[in-house]
Amino acid sequence: MSKKEDADVLNQCWVHSHEEDTDKEMVFRPASFNFPRSRGRTSFDLKPDGGLVEGGIAPDDRRLETKGTWKLGDDNTLAFYTSSQSAPRRVMRIASVKKDRLVIKK
């Protein structure tokens, strides 16, 4: 896939499917995926305009959201930025991406 095609596929809300993780990879599925019950899941919503909403779990089990921006690098990296940062806060290397499954190297 080209960078543009990858970006088009990435434009959705991805939820961590920790049941599918391996020692070397993390798996994310679209929010519409039929997940088994879980106490909480992290997520990130990659908007077509470069906007980002990360979902997490606060220490008191409430939902925690962080907003920022995202960029897809030429080296198959996905970088997350907060509005005040020039350097990425988080960088993940994409192992594979399809419309229904995103695999990130640990």
PDB file of N, CA and C in Angstrom:
ATOM      1  N   MET A   1       0.826  -1.184   0.000  1.00  0.00           N
ATOM      2  CA  MET A   1       0.000   0.000   0.000  1.00  0.00           C
ATOM      3  C   MET A   1       0.871   1.248   0.000  1.00  0.00           C
ATOM      4  N   SER A   2       0.371   2.288  -0.613  1.00  0.00           N
ATOM      5  CA  SER A   2       1.085   3.558  -0.589  1.00  0.00           C
ATOM      6  C   SER A   2       0.783   4.288   0.717  1.00  0.00           C
ATOM      7  N   LYS A   3       1.557   5.328   0.989  1.00  0.00           N
ATOM      8  CA  LYS A   3       1.338   6.121   2.202  1.00  0.00           C
ATOM      9  C   LYS A   3      -0.077   6.706   2.216  1.00  0.00           C
ATOM     10  N   LYS A   4      -0.565   7.184   1.059  1.00  0.00           N
ATOM     11  CA  LYS A   4      -1.916   7.750   0.976  1.00  0.00           C
ATOM     12  C   LYS A   4      -2.965   6.691   1.279  1.00  0.00           C
ATOM     13  N   GLU A   5      -2.810   5.489   0.695  1.00  0.00           N
ATOM     14  CA  GLU A   5      -3.763   4.402   0.956  1.00  0.00           C
ATOM     15  C   GLU A   5      -3.736   4.007   2.430  1.00  0.00           C
ATOM     16  N   ASP A   6      -2.527   3.923   3.007  1.00  0.00           N
ATOM     17  CA  ASP A   6      -2.418   3.611   4.435  1.00  0.00           C
ATOM     18  C   ASP A   6      -3.138   4.655   5.269  1.00  0.00           C
ATOM     19  N   ALA A   7      -2.937   5.928   4.949  1.00  0.00           N
ATOM     20  CA  ALA A   7      -3.571   7.013   5.705  1.00  0.00           C
ATOM     21  C   ALA A   7      -5.088   6.912   5.601  1.00  0.00           C
ATOM     22  N   ASP A   8      -5.596   6.585   4.416  1.00  0.00           N
ATOM     23  CA  ASP A   8      -7.043   6.443   4.238  1.00  0.00           C
ATOM     24  C   ASP A   8      -7.605   5.309   5.100  1.00  0.00           C
ATOM     25  N   VAL A   9      -6.891   4.198   5.171  1.00  0.00           N
ATOM     26  CA  VAL A   9      -7.331   3.059   5.989  1.00  0.00           C
ATOM     27  C   VAL A   9      -7.237   3.397   7.479  1.00  0.00           C
ATOM     28  N   LEU A  10      -6.221   4.164   7.847  1.00  0.00           N
ATOM     29  CA  LEU A  10      -6.013   4.512   9.257  1.00  0.00           C
ATOM     30  C   LEU A  10      -7.064   5.470   9.801  1.00  0.00           C
ATOM     31  N   ASN A  11      -7.753   6.216   8.951  1.00  0.00           N
ATOM     32  CA  ASN A  11      -8.723   7.221   9.389  1.00  0.00           C
ATOM     33  C   ASN A  11      -9.969   6.587   9.989  1.00  0.00           C
ATOM     34  N   GLN A  12      -9.853   6.191  11.243  1.00  0.00           N
ATOM     35  CA  GLN A  12     -10.976   5.629  11.997  1.00  0.00           C
ATOM     36  C   GLN A  12     -10.565   5.504  13.460  1.00  0.00           C
ATOM     37  N   CYS A  13     -11.475   5.060  14.274  1.00  0.00           N
ATOM     38  CA  CYS A  13     -11.180   4.844  15.692  1.00  0.00           C
ATOM     39  C   CYS A  13     -10.693   3.409  15.880  1.00  0.00           C
ATOM     40  N   TRP A  14      -9.463   3.274  16.420  1.00  0.00           N
ATOM     41  CA  TRP A  14      -8.840   1.970  16.653  1.00  0.00           C
ATOM     42  C   TRP A  14      -8.847   1.664  18.146  1.00  0.00           C
ATOM     43  N   VAL A  15      -9.240   0.447  18.488  1.00  0.00           N
ATOM     44  CA  VAL A  15      -9.345   0.013  19.877  1.00  0.00           C
ATOM     45  C   VAL A  15      -8.404  -1.173  20.087  1.00  0.00           C
ATOM     46  N   HIS A  16      -7.694  -1.158  21.219  1.00  0.00           N
ATOM     47  CA  HIS A  16      -6.722  -2.211  21.517  1.00  0.00           C
ATOM     48  C   HIS A  16      -7.439  -3.541  21.754  1.00  0.00           C
ATOM     49  N   SER A  17      -7.063  -4.522  20.980  1.00  0.00           N
ATOM     50  CA  SER A  17      -7.610  -5.878  21.110  1.00  0.00           C
ATOM     51  C   SER A  17      -6.542  -6.730  21.790  1.00  0.00           C
ATOM     52  N   HIS A  18      -6.339  -6.493  23.079  1.00  0.00           N
ATOM     53  CA  HIS A  18      -5.222  -7.107  23.804  1.00  0.00           C
ATOM     54  C   HIS A  18      -5.258  -8.631  23.782  1.00  0.00           C
ATOM     55  N   GLU A  19      -6.409  -9.208  23.534  1.00  0.00           N
ATOM     56  CA  GLU A  19      -6.510 -10.673  23.445  1.00  0.00           C
ATOM     57  C   GLU A  19      -5.711 -11.218  22.258  1.00  0.00           C
ATOM     58  N   GLU A  20      -5.490 -10.387  21.252  1.00  0.00           N
ATOM     59  CA  GLU A  20      -4.785 -10.819  20.044  1.00  0.00           C
ATOM     60  C   GLU A  20      -3.297 -10.459  20.063  1.00  0.00           C
ATOM     61  N   ASP A  21      -2.834  -9.766  21.096  1.00  0.00           N
ATOM     62  CA  ASP A  21      -1.430  -9.374  21.179  1.00  0.00           C
ATOM     63  C   ASP A  21      -0.516 -10.594  21.243  1.00  0.00           C
ATOM     64  N   THR A  22       0.708 -10.391  20.764  1.00  0.00           N
ATOM     65  CA  THR A  22       1.757 -11.397  20.906  1.00  0.00           C
ATOM     66  C   THR A  22       2.908 -10.741  21.675  1.00  0.00           C
ATOM     67  N   ASP A  23       3.982 -11.481  21.874  1.00  0.00           N
ATOM     68  CA  ASP A  23       5.143 -10.919  22.560  1.00  0.00           C
ATOM     69  C   ASP A  23       5.752  -9.753  21.797  1.00  0.00           C
ATOM     70  N   LYS A  24       5.572  -9.721  20.481  1.00  0.00           N
ATOM     71  CA  LYS A  24       6.232  -8.711  19.649  1.00  0.00           C
ATOM     72  C   LYS A  24       5.285  -7.714  19.001  1.00  0.00           C
ATOM     73  N   GLU A  25       3.969  -7.935  19.094  1.00  0.00           N
ATOM     74  CA  GLU A  25       3.018  -7.073  18.389  1.00  0.00           C
ATOM     75  C   GLU A  25       1.777  -6.773  19.228  1.00  0.00           C
ATOM     76  N   MET A  26       1.235  -5.574  19.003  1.00  0.00           N
ATOM     77  CA  MET A  26      -0.046  -5.165  19.589  1.00  0.00           C
ATOM     78  C   MET A  26      -1.060  -5.091  18.451  1.00  0.00           C
ATOM     79  N   VAL A  27      -2.298  -5.504  18.725  1.00  0.00           N
ATOM     80  CA  VAL A  27      -3.333  -5.521  17.699  1.00  0.00           C
ATOM     81  C   VAL A  27      -4.441  -4.546  18.074  1.00  0.00           C
ATOM     82  N   PHE A  28      -4.875  -3.778  17.080  1.00  0.00           N
ATOM     83  CA  PHE A  28      -5.980  -2.836  17.233  1.00  0.00           C
ATOM     84  C   PHE A  28      -7.035  -3.174  16.201  1.00  0.00           C
ATOM     85  N   ARG A  29      -8.284  -2.997  16.586  1.00  0.00           N
ATOM     86  CA  ARG A  29      -9.422  -3.255  15.710  1.00  0.00           C
ATOM     87  C   ARG A  29     -10.295  -1.996  15.648  1.00  0.00           C
ATOM     88  N   PRO A  30     -11.096  -1.857  14.582  1.00  0.00           N
ATOM     89  CA  PRO A  30     -12.021  -0.716  14.527  1.00  0.00           C
ATOM     90  C   PRO A  30     -13.000  -0.764  15.705  1.00  0.00           C
ATOM     91  N   ALA A  31     -13.477   0.398  16.112  1.00  0.00           N
ATOM     92  CA  ALA A  31     -14.404   0.478  17.247  1.00  0.00           C
ATOM     93  C   ALA A  31     -15.670  -0.348  17.014  1.00  0.00           C
ATOM     94  N   SER A  32     -16.018  -0.591  15.758  1.00  0.00           N
ATOM     95  CA  SER A  32     -17.221  -1.372  15.439  1.00  0.00           C
ATOM     96  C   SER A  32     -17.023  -2.878  15.613  1.00  0.00           C
ATOM     97  N   PHE A  33     -15.795  -3.313  15.876  1.00  0.00           N
ATOM     98  CA  PHE A  33     -15.480  -4.735  16.044  1.00  0.00           C
ATOM     99  C   PHE A  33     -16.232  -5.298  17.252  1.00  0.00           C
ATOM    100  N   ASN A  34     -16.631  -6.565  17.185  1.00  0.00           N
ATOM    101  CA  ASN A  34     -17.357  -7.218  18.280  1.00  0.00           C
ATOM    102  C   ASN A  34     -16.338  -7.775  19.290  1.00  0.00           C
ATOM    103  N   PHE A  35     -15.896  -6.924  20.217  1.00  0.00           N
ATOM    104  CA  PHE A  35     -14.904  -7.320  21.212  1.00  0.00           C
ATOM    105  C   PHE A  35     -15.539  -8.155  22.317  1.00  0.00           C
ATOM    106  N   PRO A  36     -14.766  -9.078  22.909  1.00  0.00           N
ATOM    107  CA  PRO A  36     -15.252  -9.744  24.117  1.00  0.00           C
ATOM    108  C   PRO A  36     -15.278  -8.722  25.262  1.00  0.00           C
ATOM    109  N   ARG A  37     -15.999  -9.024  26.298  1.00  0.00           N
ATOM    110  CA  ARG A  37     -16.086  -8.116  27.440  1.00  0.00           C
ATOM    111  C   ARG A  37     -14.700  -7.897  28.038  1.00  0.00           C
ATOM    112  N   SER A  38     -14.471  -6.671  28.479  1.00  0.00           N
ATOM    113  CA  SER A  38     -13.193  -6.306  29.063  1.00  0.00           C
ATOM    114  C   SER A  38     -13.422  -5.154  30.038  1.00  0.00           C
ATOM    115  N   ARG A  39     -12.593  -5.068  31.050  1.00  0.00           N
ATOM    116  CA  ARG A  39     -12.736  -4.007  32.051  1.00  0.00           C
ATOM    117  C   ARG A  39     -12.499  -2.629  31.453  1.00  0.00           C
ATOM    118  N   GLY A  40     -11.624  -2.527  30.481  1.00  0.00           N
ATOM    119  CA  GLY A  40     -11.344  -1.263  29.820  1.00  0.00           C
ATOM    120  C   GLY A  40     -10.383  -1.464  28.671  1.00  0.00           C
ATOM    121  N   ARG A  41     -10.487  -0.609  27.676  1.00  0.00           N
ATOM    122  CA  ARG A  41      -9.622  -0.710  26.504  1.00  0.00           C
ATOM    123  C   ARG A  41      -9.126   0.683  26.128  1.00  0.00           C
ATOM    124  N   THR A  42      -7.877   0.752  25.689  1.00  0.00           N
ATOM    125  CA  THR A  42      -7.357   1.999  25.170  1.00  0.00           C
ATOM    126  C   THR A  42      -7.729   2.107  23.698  1.00  0.00           C
ATOM    127  N   SER A  43      -7.749   3.344  23.206  1.00  0.00           N
ATOM    128  CA  SER A  43      -8.123   3.564  21.814  1.00  0.00           C
ATOM    129  C   SER A  43      -7.472   4.838  21.298  1.00  0.00           C
ATOM    130  N   PHE A  44      -7.491   4.993  19.978  1.00  0.00           N
ATOM    131  CA  PHE A  44      -7.127   6.260  19.377  1.00  0.00           C
ATOM    132  C   PHE A  44      -7.942   6.441  18.103  1.00  0.00           C
ATOM    133  N   ASP A  45      -8.473   7.652  17.945  1.00  0.00           N
ATOM    134  CA  ASP A  45      -9.300   8.001  16.799  1.00  0.00           C
ATOM    135  C   ASP A  45      -8.471   8.905  15.895  1.00  0.00           C
ATOM    136  N   LEU A  46      -8.134   8.404  14.715  1.00  0.00           N
ATOM    137  CA  LEU A  46      -7.304   9.135  13.762  1.00  0.00           C
ATOM    138  C   LEU A  46      -8.212   9.824  12.748  1.00  0.00           C
ATOM    139  N   LYS A  47      -8.325  11.131  12.859  1.00  0.00           N
ATOM    140  CA  LYS A  47      -9.213  11.924  12.003  1.00  0.00           C
ATOM    141  C   LYS A  47      -8.531  12.220  10.661  1.00  0.00           C
ATOM    142  N   PRO A  48      -9.308  12.317   9.579  1.00  0.00           N
ATOM    143  CA  PRO A  48      -8.736  12.609   8.259  1.00  0.00           C
ATOM    144  C   PRO A  48      -7.986  13.943   8.203  1.00  0.00           C
ATOM    145  N   ASP A  49      -8.361  14.904   9.042  1.00  0.00           N
ATOM    146  CA  ASP A  49      -7.707  16.215   9.037  1.00  0.00           C
ATOM    147  C   ASP A  49      -6.433  16.242   9.885  1.00  0.00           C
ATOM    148  N   GLY A  50      -6.006  15.082  10.396  1.00  0.00           N
ATOM    149  CA  GLY A  50      -4.809  15.009  11.225  1.00  0.00           C
ATOM    150  C   GLY A  50      -5.094  15.127  12.712  1.00  0.00           C
ATOM    151  N   GLY A  51      -6.358  15.303  13.080  1.00  0.00           N
ATOM    152  CA  GLY A  51      -6.737  15.359  14.490  1.00  0.00           C
ATOM    153  C   GLY A  51      -6.675  13.979  15.124  1.00  0.00           C
ATOM    154  N   LEU A  52      -6.459  13.982  16.428  1.00  0.00           N
ATOM    155  CA  LEU A  52      -6.308  12.741  17.181  1.00  0.00           C
ATOM    156  C   LEU A  52      -7.048  12.853  18.502  1.00  0.00           C
ATOM    157  N   VAL A  53      -7.778  11.809  18.865  1.00  0.00           N
ATOM    158  CA  VAL A  53      -8.365  11.697  20.199  1.00  0.00           C
ATOM    159  C   VAL A  53      -7.957  10.339  20.742  1.00  0.00           C
ATOM    160  N   GLU A  54      -7.131  10.350  21.800  1.00  0.00           N
ATOM    161  CA  GLU A  54      -6.716   9.107  22.445  1.00  0.00           C
ATOM    162  C   GLU A  54      -7.633   8.835  23.627  1.00  0.00           C
ATOM    163  N   GLY A  55      -8.072   7.609  23.751  1.00  0.00           N
ATOM    164  CA  GLY A  55      -8.902   7.195  24.869  1.00  0.00           C
ATOM    165  C   GLY A  55      -8.133   6.247  25.773  1.00  0.00           C
ATOM    166  N   GLY A  56      -8.234   6.476  27.047  1.00  0.00           N
ATOM    167  CA  GLY A  56      -7.539   5.629  28.001  1.00  0.00           C
ATOM    168  C   GLY A  56      -8.378   5.419  29.241  1.00  0.00           C
ATOM    169  N   ILE A  57      -7.760   4.886  30.263  1.00  0.00           N
ATOM    170  CA  ILE A  57      -8.443   4.590  31.516  1.00  0.00           C
ATOM    171  C   ILE A  57      -7.731   5.364  32.617  1.00  0.00           C
ATOM    172  N   ALA A  58      -8.464   6.237  33.288  1.00  0.00           N
ATOM    173  CA  ALA A  58      -7.910   7.029  34.385  1.00  0.00           C
ATOM    174  C   ALA A  58      -7.716   6.131  35.611  1.00  0.00           C
ATOM    175  N   PRO A  59      -6.911   6.565  36.584  1.00  0.00           N
ATOM    176  CA  PRO A  59      -6.673   5.756  37.784  1.00  0.00           C
ATOM    177  C   PRO A  59      -7.961   5.369  38.530  1.00  0.00           C
ATOM    178  N   ASP A  60      -9.013   6.190  38.396  1.00  0.00           N
ATOM    179  CA  ASP A  60     -10.275   5.868  39.074  1.00  0.00           C
ATOM    180  C   ASP A  60     -11.257   5.146  38.155  1.00  0.00           C
ATOM    181  N   ASP A  61     -10.747   4.549  37.070  1.00  0.00           N
ATOM    182  CA  ASP A  61     -11.502   3.748  36.098  1.00  0.00           C
ATOM    183  C   ASP A  61     -12.422   4.557  35.186  1.00  0.00           C
ATOM    184  N   ARG A  62     -12.405   5.884  35.299  1.00  0.00           N
ATOM    185  CA  ARG A  62     -13.188   6.686  34.362  1.00  0.00           C
ATOM    186  C   ARG A  62     -12.458   6.747  33.021  1.00  0.00           C
ATOM    187  N   ARG A  63     -13.188   7.098  31.988  1.00  0.00           N
ATOM    188  CA  ARG A  63     -12.619   7.256  30.646  1.00  0.00           C
ATOM    189  C   ARG A  63     -11.771   8.530  30.613  1.00  0.00           C
ATOM    190  N   LEU A  64     -10.598   8.433  30.028  1.00  0.00           N
ATOM    191  CA  LEU A  64      -9.672   9.551  29.919  1.00  0.00           C
ATOM    192  C   LEU A  64      -9.428   9.833  28.451  1.00  0.00           C
ATOM    193  N   GLU A  65      -9.592  11.098  28.016  1.00  0.00           N
ATOM    194  CA  GLU A  65      -9.360  11.453  26.615  1.00  0.00           C
ATOM    195  C   GLU A  65      -8.288  12.523  26.511  1.00  0.00           C
ATOM    196  N   THR A  66      -7.413  12.359  25.533  1.00  0.00           N
ATOM    197  CA  THR A  66      -6.356  13.316  25.240  1.00  0.00           C
ATOM    198  C   THR A  66      -6.446  13.672  23.767  1.00  0.00           C
ATOM    199  N   LYS A  67      -6.397  14.967  23.459  1.00  0.00           N
ATOM    200  CA  LYS A  67      -6.480  15.410  22.065  1.00  0.00           C
ATOM    201  C   LYS A  67      -5.116  15.848  21.565  1.00  0.00           C
ATOM    202  N   GLY A  68      -4.924  15.715  20.268  1.00  0.00           N
ATOM    203  CA  GLY A  68      -3.675  16.112  19.646  1.00  0.00           C
ATOM    204  C   GLY A  68      -3.761  15.943  18.143  1.00  0.00           C
ATOM    205  N   THR A  69      -2.621  15.637  17.533  1.00  0.00           N
ATOM    206  CA  THR A  69      -2.556  15.406  16.095  1.00  0.00           C
ATOM    207  C   THR A  69      -1.738  14.141  15.826  1.00  0.00           C
ATOM    208  N   TRP A  70      -1.862  13.626  14.624  1.00  0.00           N
ATOM    209  CA  TRP A  70      -1.108  12.437  14.239  1.00  0.00           C
ATOM    210  C   TRP A  70      -0.520  12.624  12.850  1.00  0.00           C
ATOM    211  N   LYS A  71       0.581  11.899  12.591  1.00  0.00           N
ATOM    212  CA  LYS A  71       1.221  11.911  11.273  1.00  0.00           C
ATOM    213  C   LYS A  71       1.713  10.506  10.960  1.00  0.00           C
ATOM    214  N   LEU A  72       1.600  10.157   9.687  1.00  0.00           N
ATOM    215  CA  LEU A  72       2.121   8.885   9.195  1.00  0.00           C
ATOM    216  C   LEU A  72       3.461   9.162   8.548  1.00  0.00           C
ATOM    217  N   GLY A  73       4.516   8.525   9.047  1.00  0.00           N
ATOM    218  CA  GLY A  73       5.858   8.733   8.507  1.00  0.00           C
ATOM    219  C   GLY A  73       6.150   7.834   7.324  1.00  0.00           C
ATOM    220  N   ASP A  74       7.138   8.235   6.528  1.00  0.00           N
ATOM    221  CA  ASP A  74       7.554   7.436   5.374  1.00  0.00           C
ATOM    222  C   ASP A  74       8.109   6.075   5.787  1.00  0.00           C
ATOM    223  N   ASP A  75       8.557   5.974   7.021  1.00  0.00           N
ATOM    224  CA  ASP A  75       9.157   4.732   7.526  1.00  0.00           C
ATOM    225  C   ASP A  75       8.147   3.847   8.256  1.00  0.00           C
ATOM    226  N   ASN A  76       6.859   3.979   7.891  1.00  0.00           N
ATOM    227  CA  ASN A  76       5.783   3.189   8.502  1.00  0.00           C
ATOM    228  C   ASN A  76       5.642   3.447   9.997  1.00  0.00           C
ATOM    229  N   THR A  77       5.858   4.680  10.406  1.00  0.00           N
ATOM    230  CA  THR A  77       5.646   5.042  11.801  1.00  0.00           C
ATOM    231  C   THR A  77       4.401   5.898  11.913  1.00  0.00           C
ATOM    232  N   LEU A  78       3.756   5.764  13.031  1.00  0.00           N
ATOM    233  CA  LEU A  78       2.583   6.545  13.374  1.00  0.00           C
ATOM    234  C   LEU A  78       2.981   7.381  14.581  1.00  0.00           C
ATOM    235  N   ALA A  79       3.008   8.714  14.415  1.00  0.00           N
ATOM    236  CA  ALA A  79       3.468   9.608  15.474  1.00  0.00           C
ATOM    237  C   ALA A  79       2.303  10.409  16.027  1.00  0.00           C
ATOM    238  N   PHE A  80       2.219  10.484  17.361  1.00  0.00           N
ATOM    239  CA  PHE A  80       1.185  11.240  18.054  1.00  0.00           C
ATOM    240  C   PHE A  80       1.809  12.461  18.722  1.00  0.00           C
ATOM    241  N   TYR A  81       1.177  13.611  18.543  1.00  0.00           N
ATOM    242  CA  TYR A  81       1.643  14.873  19.106  1.00  0.00           C
ATOM    243  C   TYR A  81       0.543  15.495  19.948  1.00  0.00           C
ATOM    244  N   THR A  82       0.924  16.190  21.014  1.00  0.00           N
ATOM    245  CA  THR A  82      -0.023  17.061  21.701  1.00  0.00           C
ATOM    246  C   THR A  82       0.147  18.437  21.083  1.00  0.00           C
ATOM    247  N   SER A  83      -0.788  19.318  21.303  1.00  0.00           N
ATOM    248  CA  SER A  83      -0.767  20.618  20.633  1.00  0.00           C
ATOM    249  C   SER A  83       0.456  21.459  20.990  1.00  0.00           C
ATOM    250  N   SER A  84       1.065  21.215  22.118  1.00  0.00           N
ATOM    251  CA  SER A  84       2.193  22.042  22.549  1.00  0.00           C
ATOM    252  C   SER A  84       3.558  21.421  22.233  1.00  0.00           C
ATOM    253  N   GLN A  85       3.591  20.293  21.564  1.00  0.00           N
ATOM    254  CA  GLN A  85       4.864  19.612  21.323  1.00  0.00           C
ATOM    255  C   GLN A  85       5.281  19.685  19.855  1.00  0.00           C
ATOM    256  N   SER A  86       6.582  19.890  19.637  1.00  0.00           N
ATOM    257  CA  SER A  86       7.098  19.813  18.274  1.00  0.00           C
ATOM    258  C   SER A  86       7.631  18.403  17.992  1.00  0.00           C
ATOM    259  N   ALA A  87       8.040  17.693  19.035  1.00  0.00           N
ATOM    260  CA  ALA A  87       8.479  16.305  18.909  1.00  0.00           C
ATOM    261  C   ALA A  87       7.306  15.392  19.284  1.00  0.00           C
ATOM    262  N   PRO A  88       7.206  14.240  18.648  1.00  0.00           N
ATOM    263  CA  PRO A  88       6.084  13.343  18.975  1.00  0.00           C
ATOM    264  C   PRO A  88       6.144  12.847  20.417  1.00  0.00           C
ATOM    265  N   ARG A  89       4.978  12.719  21.013  1.00  0.00           N
ATOM    266  CA  ARG A  89       4.851  12.184  22.368  1.00  0.00           C
ATOM    267  C   ARG A  89       4.915  10.658  22.345  1.00  0.00           C
ATOM    268  N   ARG A  90       4.458  10.090  21.239  1.00  0.00           N
ATOM    269  CA  ARG A  90       4.423   8.633  21.094  1.00  0.00           C
ATOM    270  C   ARG A  90       4.663   8.292  19.628  1.00  0.00           C
ATOM    271  N   VAL A  91       5.504   7.307  19.375  1.00  0.00           N
ATOM    272  CA  VAL A  91       5.755   6.839  18.009  1.00  0.00           C
ATOM    273  C   VAL A  91       5.587   5.321  18.005  1.00  0.00           C
ATOM    274  N   MET A  92       4.808   4.832  17.048  1.00  0.00           N
ATOM    275  CA  MET A  92       4.574   3.399  16.917  1.00  0.00           C
ATOM    276  C   MET A  92       4.953   2.969  15.501  1.00  0.00           C
ATOM    277  N   ARG A  93       5.579   1.823  15.374  1.00  0.00           N
ATOM    278  CA  ARG A  93       5.947   1.293  14.065  1.00  0.00           C
ATOM    279  C   ARG A  93       4.854   0.319  13.614  1.00  0.00           C
ATOM    280  N   ILE A  94       4.297   0.587  12.448  1.00  0.00           N
ATOM    281  CA  ILE A  94       3.217  -0.239  11.910  1.00  0.00           C
ATOM    282  C   ILE A  94       3.806  -1.495  11.270  1.00  0.00           C
ATOM    283  N   ALA A  95       3.348  -2.656  11.714  1.00  0.00           N
ATOM    284  CA  ALA A  95       3.748  -3.930  11.103  1.00  0.00           C
ATOM    285  C   ALA A  95       2.852  -4.229   9.902  1.00  0.00           C
ATOM    286  N   SER A  96       1.532  -3.974  10.060  1.00  0.00           N
ATOM    287  CA  SER A  96       0.585  -4.159   8.957  1.00  0.00           C
ATOM    288  C   SER A  96      -0.690  -3.384   9.263  1.00  0.00           C
ATOM    289  N   VAL A  97      -1.384  -3.009   8.204  1.00  0.00           N
ATOM    290  CA  VAL A  97      -2.660  -2.316   8.374  1.00  0.00           C
ATOM    291  C   VAL A  97      -3.620  -2.754   7.276  1.00  0.00           C
ATOM    292  N   LYS A  98      -4.807  -3.094   7.710  1.00  0.00           N
ATOM    293  CA  LYS A  98      -5.931  -3.401   6.836  1.00  0.00           C
ATOM    294  C   LYS A  98      -7.126  -2.668   7.415  1.00  0.00           C
ATOM    295  N   LYS A  99      -8.191  -2.589   6.687  1.00  0.00           N
ATOM    296  CA  LYS A  99      -9.381  -1.854   7.135  1.00  0.00           C
ATOM    297  C   LYS A  99      -9.896  -2.366   8.486  1.00  0.00           C
ATOM    298  N   ASP A 100      -9.697  -3.663   8.758  1.00  0.00           N
ATOM    299  CA  ASP A 100     -10.250  -4.247   9.986  1.00  0.00           C
ATOM    300  C   ASP A 100      -9.196  -4.666  11.019  1.00  0.00           C
ATOM    301  N   ARG A 101      -7.899  -4.338  10.754  1.00  0.00           N
ATOM    302  CA  ARG A 101      -6.868  -4.787  11.700  1.00  0.00           C
ATOM    303  C   ARG A 101      -5.592  -3.972  11.531  1.00  0.00           C
ATOM    304  N   LEU A 102      -5.121  -3.403  12.628  1.00  0.00           N
ATOM    305  CA  LEU A 102      -3.882  -2.644  12.672  1.00  0.00           C
ATOM    306  C   LEU A 102      -2.934  -3.344  13.636  1.00  0.00           C
ATOM    307  N   VAL A 103      -1.739  -3.677  13.154  1.00  0.00           N
ATOM    308  CA  VAL A 103      -0.750  -4.363  13.971  1.00  0.00           C
ATOM    309  C   VAL A 103       0.442  -3.436  14.167  1.00  0.00           C
ATOM    310  N   ILE A 104       0.816  -3.236  15.426  1.00  0.00           N
ATOM    311  CA  ILE A 104       1.902  -2.349  15.818  1.00  0.00           C
ATOM    312  C   ILE A 104       3.009  -3.193  16.455  1.00  0.00           C
ATOM    313  N   LYS A 105       4.256  -2.921  16.072  1.00  0.00           N
ATOM    314  CA  LYS A 105       5.386  -3.619  16.698  1.00  0.00           C
ATOM    315  C   LYS A 105       5.610  -3.071  18.099  1.00  0.00           C
ATOM    316  N   LYS A 106       5.893  -3.966  19.047  1.00  0.00           N
ATOM    317  CA  LYS A 106       6.176  -3.540  20.417  1.00  0.00           C
ATOM    318  C   LYS A 106       7.586  -3.039  20.530  1.00  0.00           C
TER     319      LYS A 106
END
